[in-house]
Protein backbone atom coordinates (compact mmCIF):
# COMPACT_ATOMS: atom_id res chain seq x y z
CA UNK A 1 0.31 0.03 -0.18
CA UNK A 2 2.89 2.27 0.65
CA UNK A 3 4.60 2.21 -2.20
CA UNK A 4 1.32 2.25 -4.53
CA UNK A 5 0.95 5.62 -2.14
CA UNK A 6 4.41 6.68 -3.16
CA UNK A 7 3.94 6.12 -6.97
CA UNK A 8 1.02 8.29 -6.84
CA UNK A 9 2.57 10.85 -5.25
CA UNK A 10 5.12 10.74 -7.68
CA UNK A 11 3.17 11.43 -10.72
CA UNK A 12 1.22 14.32 -9.09
CA UNK A 13 4.53 16.12 -8.29
CA UNK A 14 6.43 18.30 -10.72
CA UNK A 15 9.98 16.34 -10.55
CA UNK A 16 12.44 18.55 -10.06
CA UNK A 17 15.90 17.89 -11.37
CA UNK A 18 19.25 19.98 -11.72
CA UNK A 19 23.44 18.94 -10.90
CA UNK A 20 25.35 21.41 -8.89
CA UNK A 21 27.52 22.55 -11.86
CA UNK A 22 31.36 22.21 -10.03
CA UNK A 23 30.84 18.51 -8.02
CA UNK A 24 32.80 15.49 -7.57
CA UNK A 25 31.62 12.13 -6.37
CA UNK A 26 33.16 10.71 -2.73
CA UNK A 27 32.14 8.61 -0.53
CA UNK A 28 31.57 9.93 3.43
CA UNK A 29 30.41 5.75 4.64
CA UNK A 30 28.73 3.43 3.77
CA UNK A 31 25.95 3.94 2.32
CA UNK A 32 26.06 7.68 1.52
CA UNK A 33 27.67 9.16 -1.62
CA UNK A 34 28.39 12.79 -0.51
CA UNK A 35 29.00 15.18 -3.52
CA UNK A 36 31.22 17.74 -2.12
CA UNK A 37 32.28 21.68 -3.42
CA UNK A 38 35.72 21.41 -5.11
CA UNK A 39 35.79 25.12 -4.15
CA UNK A 40 37.25 24.94 -0.73
CA UNK A 41 38.42 28.58 -0.28
CA UNK A 42 36.61 30.79 2.47
CA UNK A 43 34.82 32.82 -0.05
CA UNK A 44 33.74 29.67 -2.05
CA UNK A 45 31.72 28.16 1.03
CA UNK A 46 30.36 31.94 1.96
CA UNK A 47 28.85 31.82 -1.35
CA UNK A 48 27.59 28.37 -1.20
CA UNK A 49 25.71 29.11 2.13
CA UNK A 50 24.64 33.26 0.79
CA UNK A 51 23.24 31.11 -2.59
CA UNK A 52 21.06 28.76 -0.19
CA UNK A 53 19.88 31.65 1.65
CA UNK A 54 18.42 32.93 -1.30
CA UNK A 55 16.91 29.92 -2.86
CA UNK A 56 19.66 28.24 -4.57
CA UNK A 57 18.25 24.26 -3.18
CA UNK A 58 21.85 22.67 -4.96
CA UNK A 59 23.91 25.15 -2.87
CA UNK A 60 22.36 23.99 0.72
CA UNK A 61 23.27 20.69 -0.54
CA UNK A 62 26.59 21.04 -0.85
CA UNK A 63 27.32 23.35 2.19
CA UNK A 64 25.22 20.88 4.19
CA UNK A 65 28.00 18.51 3.01
CA UNK A 66 31.04 20.36 3.75
CA UNK A 67 29.33 20.75 7.35
CA UNK A 68 28.48 17.05 7.48
CA UNK A 69 31.99 15.49 6.39
CA UNK A 70 34.31 18.61 7.37
CA UNK A 71 36.15 18.65 4.21
CA UNK A 72 36.86 22.11 3.86
CA UNK A 73 39.88 23.88 6.00
CA UNK A 74 37.28 26.14 8.00
CA UNK A 75 34.49 24.14 8.63
CA UNK A 76 34.44 21.47 11.31
CA UNK A 77 32.06 18.34 11.29
CA UNK A 78 28.34 19.98 12.49
CA UNK A 79 26.08 17.21 11.92
CA UNK A 80 22.71 19.47 13.43
CA UNK A 81 24.18 22.46 10.73
CA UNK A 82 24.40 19.77 8.22
CA UNK A 83 20.74 18.75 8.79
CA UNK A 84 19.64 22.37 8.92
CA UNK A 85 21.13 23.30 5.10
CA UNK A 86 19.95 19.96 4.23
CA UNK A 87 16.58 20.26 5.41
CA UNK A 88 16.39 23.54 3.55
CA UNK A 89 17.41 22.19 0.30
CA UNK A 90 14.60 19.11 1.26
CA UNK A 91 11.96 21.63 1.34
CA UNK A 92 13.00 23.60 -2.12
CA UNK A 93 12.03 19.83 -3.63
CA UNK A 94 15.37 18.71 -3.72
CA UNK A 95 15.76 14.69 -3.97
CA UNK A 96 19.28 14.73 -3.10
CA UNK A 97 18.41 16.64 0.02
CA UNK A 98 15.84 14.97 1.33
CA UNK A 99 18.02 12.14 1.16
CA UNK A 100 20.57 13.58 3.21
CA UNK A 101 18.20 14.84 6.01
CA UNK A 102 17.33 11.09 5.67
CA UNK A 103 20.80 10.02 6.79
CA UNK A 104 20.97 12.80 9.08
CA UNK A 105 17.76 11.31 10.95
CA UNK A 106 19.20 7.36 10.66
CA UNK A 107 22.57 7.71 11.87
CA UNK A 108 22.18 10.08 14.32
CA UNK A 109 25.14 12.53 15.29
CA UNK A 110 26.17 15.01 17.93
CA UNK A 111 23.02 17.13 18.82
CA UNK A 112 21.03 15.13 16.35
CA UNK A 113 18.27 12.34 17.35
CA UNK A 114 18.43 9.48 15.63
CA UNK A 115 15.05 8.33 14.33
CA UNK A 116 14.00 5.54 11.84
CA UNK A 117 10.66 7.57 11.75
CA UNK A 118 11.91 10.93 10.28
CA UNK A 119 14.26 9.15 8.36
CA UNK A 120 11.55 7.49 6.58
CA UNK A 121 9.25 9.94 6.09
CA UNK A 122 12.85 12.00 4.32
CA UNK A 123 13.50 8.85 2.13
CA UNK A 124 9.85 9.03 1.22
CA UNK A 125 10.23 12.53 0.38
CA UNK A 126 13.19 12.00 -1.67
CA UNK A 127 11.47 9.31 -3.29
CA UNK A 128 8.83 10.93 -4.42
CA UNK A 129 11.11 13.64 -6.05
CA UNK A 130 12.89 11.20 -8.17
CA UNK A 131 15.49 9.78 -5.89
CA UNK A 132 15.77 6.09 -6.09
CA UNK A 133 18.21 5.24 -3.65
CA UNK A 134 15.74 7.24 -0.95
CA UNK A 135 13.24 3.83 -2.49
CA UNK A 136 15.27 1.91 -1.52
CA UNK A 137 16.46 3.40 1.92
CA UNK A 138 12.81 3.85 2.52
CA UNK A 139 11.93 0.38 1.86
CA UNK A 140 14.49 -1.09 3.87
CA UNK A 141 13.51 0.69 6.73
CA UNK A 142 9.97 -0.72 5.97
CA UNK A 143 10.96 -4.15 6.18
CA UNK A 144 12.50 -4.10 9.32
């Protein structure tokens, strides 16, 4: 039944696609591929924040990843801040933002509550927006 609901919502919603123009694929841990901005200068990450705050969802994902991984010399790992940026991206209909937000709930971390229920909700949102990895993770959680 849940798969039918997910499929119906997917069909109803308008898909939102797009890709950051300057990313490399790296792995931040098991099951979590991360896109990380290659602009590691201080102005680069400040620009990502500004772009995110002005509505650019892909910048929200990228700055969230920098906070999640700590891969910028001026940014230390802060899962709560990463979660906030992923949430902004997800609310702006970024499938990847929802996917990463779900993982922050699934794994928990400093200042972030671990919650399978919240993770399922955000994986469902990512799935509705066309992220098949979110659909797979949702199914895994649903199966228990």
